Every structure is written in structure tokens, then in C-alpha cells.
N, C-alpha and C. Protein backbone atom coordinates (compact mmCIF):
# COMPACT_ATOMS: atom_id res chain seq x y z
N MET A 1 25.74 50.34 -25.89
CA MET A 1 25.71 49.39 -24.80
C MET A 1 24.33 48.74 -24.70
N TRP A 2 23.27 49.53 -24.75
CA TRP A 2 21.91 48.98 -24.66
C TRP A 2 21.62 48.09 -25.85
N ARG A 3 22.19 48.45 -26.97
CA ARG A 3 21.97 47.66 -28.18
C ARG A 3 22.58 46.26 -28.03
N ASN A 4 23.77 46.17 -27.42
CA ASN A 4 24.41 44.88 -27.19
C ASN A 4 23.61 44.02 -26.21
N LEU A 5 23.10 44.65 -25.17
CA LEU A 5 22.31 43.90 -24.20
C LEU A 5 21.02 43.38 -24.83
N LEU A 6 20.37 44.23 -25.61
CA LEU A 6 19.15 43.81 -26.28
C LEU A 6 19.43 42.69 -27.26
N SER A 7 20.52 42.81 -27.99
CA SER A 7 20.89 41.78 -28.96
C SER A 7 21.20 40.47 -28.25
N LEU A 8 21.94 40.53 -27.15
CA LEU A 8 22.27 39.33 -26.39
C LEU A 8 21.02 38.66 -25.84
N ARG A 9 20.09 39.46 -25.34
CA ARG A 9 18.85 38.91 -24.80
C ARG A 9 18.04 38.21 -25.89
N GLN A 10 17.96 38.81 -27.07
CA GLN A 10 17.22 38.20 -28.17
C GLN A 10 17.85 36.89 -28.60
N VAL A 11 19.18 36.85 -28.68
CA VAL A 11 19.88 35.62 -29.08
C VAL A 11 19.66 34.53 -28.04
N SER A 12 19.77 34.88 -26.75
CA SER A 12 19.60 33.87 -25.72
C SER A 12 18.17 33.34 -25.69
N GLN A 13 17.18 34.21 -25.86
CA GLN A 13 15.79 33.76 -25.89
C GLN A 13 15.54 32.87 -27.09
N ARG A 14 16.07 33.24 -28.23
CA ARG A 14 15.87 32.45 -29.44
C ARG A 14 16.55 31.08 -29.30
N THR A 15 17.76 31.05 -28.74
CA THR A 15 18.49 29.80 -28.58
C THR A 15 17.76 28.87 -27.63
N ILE A 16 17.31 29.39 -26.52
CA ILE A 16 16.61 28.56 -25.54
C ILE A 16 15.30 28.04 -26.10
N SER A 17 14.53 28.88 -26.73
CA SER A 17 13.22 28.45 -27.20
C SER A 17 13.33 27.45 -28.36
N THR A 18 14.26 27.65 -29.28
CA THR A 18 14.36 26.71 -30.40
C THR A 18 15.02 25.41 -29.98
N ALA A 19 15.97 25.46 -29.05
CA ALA A 19 16.64 24.25 -28.61
C ALA A 19 15.67 23.35 -27.85
N SER A 20 14.82 23.94 -27.02
CA SER A 20 13.90 23.12 -26.25
C SER A 20 12.86 22.46 -27.15
N ARG A 21 12.48 23.11 -28.22
CA ARG A 21 11.50 22.50 -29.13
C ARG A 21 12.10 21.32 -29.88
N ARG A 22 13.37 21.40 -30.21
CA ARG A 22 14.00 20.31 -30.95
C ARG A 22 14.28 19.11 -30.06
N LEU A 23 14.62 19.34 -28.80
CA LEU A 23 14.99 18.24 -27.91
C LEU A 23 13.78 17.44 -27.43
N LEU A 24 12.65 18.08 -27.29
CA LEU A 24 11.47 17.41 -26.77
C LEU A 24 10.64 16.86 -27.91
N GLU A 25 10.32 15.59 -27.80
CA GLU A 25 9.43 15.00 -28.79
C GLU A 25 8.20 14.48 -28.05
N ASN A 26 7.09 14.45 -28.73
CA ASN A 26 5.84 14.02 -28.12
C ASN A 26 5.82 12.50 -28.04
N ARG A 27 5.92 11.98 -26.82
CA ARG A 27 5.89 10.53 -26.62
C ARG A 27 4.60 10.08 -25.94
N VAL A 28 3.64 10.97 -25.86
CA VAL A 28 2.37 10.65 -25.20
C VAL A 28 1.65 9.50 -25.91
N PRO A 29 1.55 9.47 -27.24
CA PRO A 29 0.86 8.34 -27.88
C PRO A 29 1.51 6.98 -27.57
N GLU A 30 2.85 6.95 -27.48
CA GLU A 30 3.53 5.70 -27.13
C GLU A 30 3.14 5.26 -25.73
N LYS A 31 3.16 6.19 -24.79
CA LYS A 31 2.82 5.87 -23.40
C LYS A 31 1.36 5.47 -23.27
N GLN A 32 0.46 6.13 -24.01
CA GLN A 32 -0.95 5.75 -23.96
C GLN A 32 -1.13 4.32 -24.45
N LYS A 33 -0.46 3.98 -25.52
CA LYS A 33 -0.57 2.63 -26.06
C LYS A 33 -0.05 1.61 -25.06
N LEU A 34 1.07 1.92 -24.40
CA LEU A 34 1.66 1.02 -23.41
C LEU A 34 0.73 0.80 -22.23
N PHE A 35 0.17 1.88 -21.71
CA PHE A 35 -0.64 1.77 -20.50
C PHE A 35 -2.05 1.25 -20.78
N GLN A 36 -2.54 1.35 -22.02
CA GLN A 36 -3.87 0.85 -22.34
C GLN A 36 -3.85 -0.60 -22.82
N GLU A 37 -2.67 -1.15 -23.02
CA GLU A 37 -2.54 -2.53 -23.47
C GLU A 37 -3.06 -3.47 -22.39
N ASP A 38 -3.85 -4.48 -22.80
CA ASP A 38 -4.41 -5.44 -21.85
C ASP A 38 -3.47 -6.62 -21.74
N ASN A 39 -2.52 -6.53 -20.81
CA ASN A 39 -1.56 -7.62 -20.63
C ASN A 39 -1.62 -8.23 -19.24
N GLY A 40 -2.65 -7.92 -18.48
CA GLY A 40 -2.84 -8.52 -17.18
C GLY A 40 -2.05 -7.87 -16.05
N LEU A 41 -1.23 -6.88 -16.35
CA LEU A 41 -0.46 -6.19 -15.31
C LEU A 41 -1.26 -5.02 -14.75
N PRO A 42 -1.12 -4.76 -13.46
CA PRO A 42 -1.75 -3.55 -12.92
C PRO A 42 -1.05 -2.32 -13.48
N VAL A 43 -1.75 -1.22 -13.51
CA VAL A 43 -1.23 -0.01 -14.17
C VAL A 43 0.05 0.48 -13.51
N TYR A 44 0.23 0.25 -12.21
CA TYR A 44 1.43 0.75 -11.54
C TYR A 44 2.66 -0.10 -11.83
N LEU A 45 2.51 -1.21 -12.56
CA LEU A 45 3.65 -2.03 -12.95
C LEU A 45 3.89 -2.04 -14.46
N LYS A 46 3.07 -1.33 -15.21
CA LYS A 46 3.20 -1.36 -16.67
C LYS A 46 4.38 -0.56 -17.19
N GLY A 47 5.02 0.24 -16.37
CA GLY A 47 6.13 1.07 -16.80
C GLY A 47 7.43 0.32 -17.01
N GLY A 48 7.51 -0.92 -16.55
CA GLY A 48 8.72 -1.70 -16.77
C GLY A 48 9.41 -2.11 -15.48
N ILE A 49 10.69 -2.40 -15.60
CA ILE A 49 11.48 -2.93 -14.49
C ILE A 49 11.57 -1.93 -13.34
N MET A 50 11.76 -0.66 -13.66
CA MET A 50 11.89 0.34 -12.60
C MET A 50 10.61 0.48 -11.79
N ASP A 51 9.46 0.33 -12.44
CA ASP A 51 8.20 0.37 -11.69
C ASP A 51 8.11 -0.80 -10.72
N GLY A 52 8.51 -1.97 -11.17
CA GLY A 52 8.49 -3.14 -10.30
C GLY A 52 9.45 -2.99 -9.13
N LEU A 53 10.64 -2.46 -9.42
CA LEU A 53 11.63 -2.25 -8.36
C LEU A 53 11.13 -1.21 -7.36
N LEU A 54 10.59 -0.12 -7.85
CA LEU A 54 10.07 0.92 -6.97
C LEU A 54 8.92 0.38 -6.11
N TYR A 55 8.05 -0.44 -6.70
CA TYR A 55 6.94 -1.04 -5.97
C TYR A 55 7.46 -1.94 -4.84
N ARG A 56 8.44 -2.78 -5.17
CA ARG A 56 8.96 -3.71 -4.15
C ARG A 56 9.69 -2.98 -3.03
N VAL A 57 10.46 -1.96 -3.37
CA VAL A 57 11.15 -1.17 -2.34
C VAL A 57 10.14 -0.47 -1.45
N THR A 58 9.11 0.10 -2.05
CA THR A 58 8.08 0.79 -1.28
C THR A 58 7.36 -0.18 -0.34
N MET A 59 7.02 -1.36 -0.85
CA MET A 59 6.32 -2.34 0.00
C MET A 59 7.24 -2.84 1.11
N GLY A 60 8.51 -3.05 0.80
CA GLY A 60 9.46 -3.49 1.82
C GLY A 60 9.62 -2.47 2.93
N LEU A 61 9.78 -1.21 2.54
CA LEU A 61 9.90 -0.15 3.55
C LEU A 61 8.62 -0.01 4.38
N THR A 62 7.47 -0.20 3.74
CA THR A 62 6.20 -0.10 4.46
C THR A 62 6.07 -1.23 5.48
N VAL A 63 6.40 -2.45 5.08
CA VAL A 63 6.31 -3.59 5.99
C VAL A 63 7.32 -3.43 7.13
N PHE A 64 8.55 -3.04 6.81
CA PHE A 64 9.57 -2.83 7.83
C PHE A 64 9.14 -1.72 8.80
N GLY A 65 8.65 -0.62 8.27
CA GLY A 65 8.22 0.50 9.11
C GLY A 65 7.06 0.13 10.01
N THR A 66 6.11 -0.62 9.47
CA THR A 66 4.97 -1.05 10.28
C THR A 66 5.43 -1.97 11.41
N GLY A 67 6.31 -2.92 11.08
CA GLY A 67 6.85 -3.82 12.10
C GLY A 67 7.62 -3.07 13.17
N TYR A 68 8.42 -2.09 12.76
CA TYR A 68 9.21 -1.31 13.71
C TYR A 68 8.31 -0.49 14.63
N VAL A 69 7.26 0.10 14.08
CA VAL A 69 6.33 0.88 14.90
C VAL A 69 5.62 -0.02 15.90
N LEU A 70 5.19 -1.19 15.46
CA LEU A 70 4.53 -2.13 16.39
C LEU A 70 5.49 -2.58 17.50
N TYR A 71 6.73 -2.84 17.14
CA TYR A 71 7.74 -3.22 18.14
C TYR A 71 7.94 -2.10 19.16
N GLU A 72 8.10 -0.87 18.69
CA GLU A 72 8.31 0.25 19.59
C GLU A 72 7.08 0.50 20.48
N LEU A 73 5.88 0.33 19.91
CA LEU A 73 4.67 0.47 20.74
C LEU A 73 4.63 -0.60 21.82
N MET A 74 5.01 -1.81 21.47
CA MET A 74 5.01 -2.89 22.45
C MET A 74 6.05 -2.61 23.54
N MET A 75 7.23 -2.14 23.16
CA MET A 75 8.26 -1.83 24.15
C MET A 75 7.83 -0.65 25.04
N ALA A 76 7.15 0.32 24.46
CA ALA A 76 6.71 1.48 25.24
C ALA A 76 5.56 1.12 26.18
N SER A 77 4.79 0.09 25.84
CA SER A 77 3.65 -0.26 26.68
C SER A 77 4.04 -1.13 27.87
N MET A 78 5.21 -1.73 27.83
CA MET A 78 5.66 -2.57 28.95
C MET A 78 6.62 -1.77 29.83
N PRO A 79 6.27 -1.62 31.11
CA PRO A 79 7.17 -0.86 31.99
C PRO A 79 8.47 -1.64 32.23
N LYS A 80 9.57 -0.89 32.34
CA LYS A 80 10.85 -1.53 32.62
C LYS A 80 10.91 -1.89 34.10
N LYS A 81 11.54 -3.01 34.37
CA LYS A 81 11.65 -3.47 35.77
C LYS A 81 12.72 -2.64 36.49
N GLN A 82 12.36 -2.21 37.69
CA GLN A 82 13.28 -1.44 38.53
C GLN A 82 14.16 -2.41 39.29
N LYS A 83 15.45 -2.13 39.36
CA LYS A 83 16.36 -3.02 40.09
C LYS A 83 16.53 -2.57 41.52
């Protein structure tokens, strides 16, 4: 019984470790080349379309949130009229 468990553990460790090495490839040099290229874009937009979309969504939410906070502060600062 212990022999089977030990054998199973060795097979699972070997499978996991060899599979992860084959699936992962080093793409760091590609990314370094992309981000060091002088194309006039800021570094936070050099990643492509998704970076631009994420930037615009973040800025939109920031502007909306700031406007909403200012509106709520203005409403909270004005007392409601008693009838």
C-alpha cells in the first residue's frame, strides 16, 4: 500500500513539474523589446488595445466617481427645507 502511494506521488510530481516547464516559454525579451521601443506612446499604453481600454475605463470611472462625490457633498451641505 505504501509503495503505491509513493509511486503515485512520484508520478504526480513528475507530471506536474515537466508539464509546467513545457507550457511556459520565456517571453520576457519580447516584452522588453515592445516596452523599450520609442514610438511616442506612454508606457501604460504600450501593451495594446486592452491597455487603452483599461485606461479609458479607469479614467471614466474616476471622473464619474469624482463628480458623484462632489454632487453628494453639495447636497449634504445644503439643508433641506422644512415644510
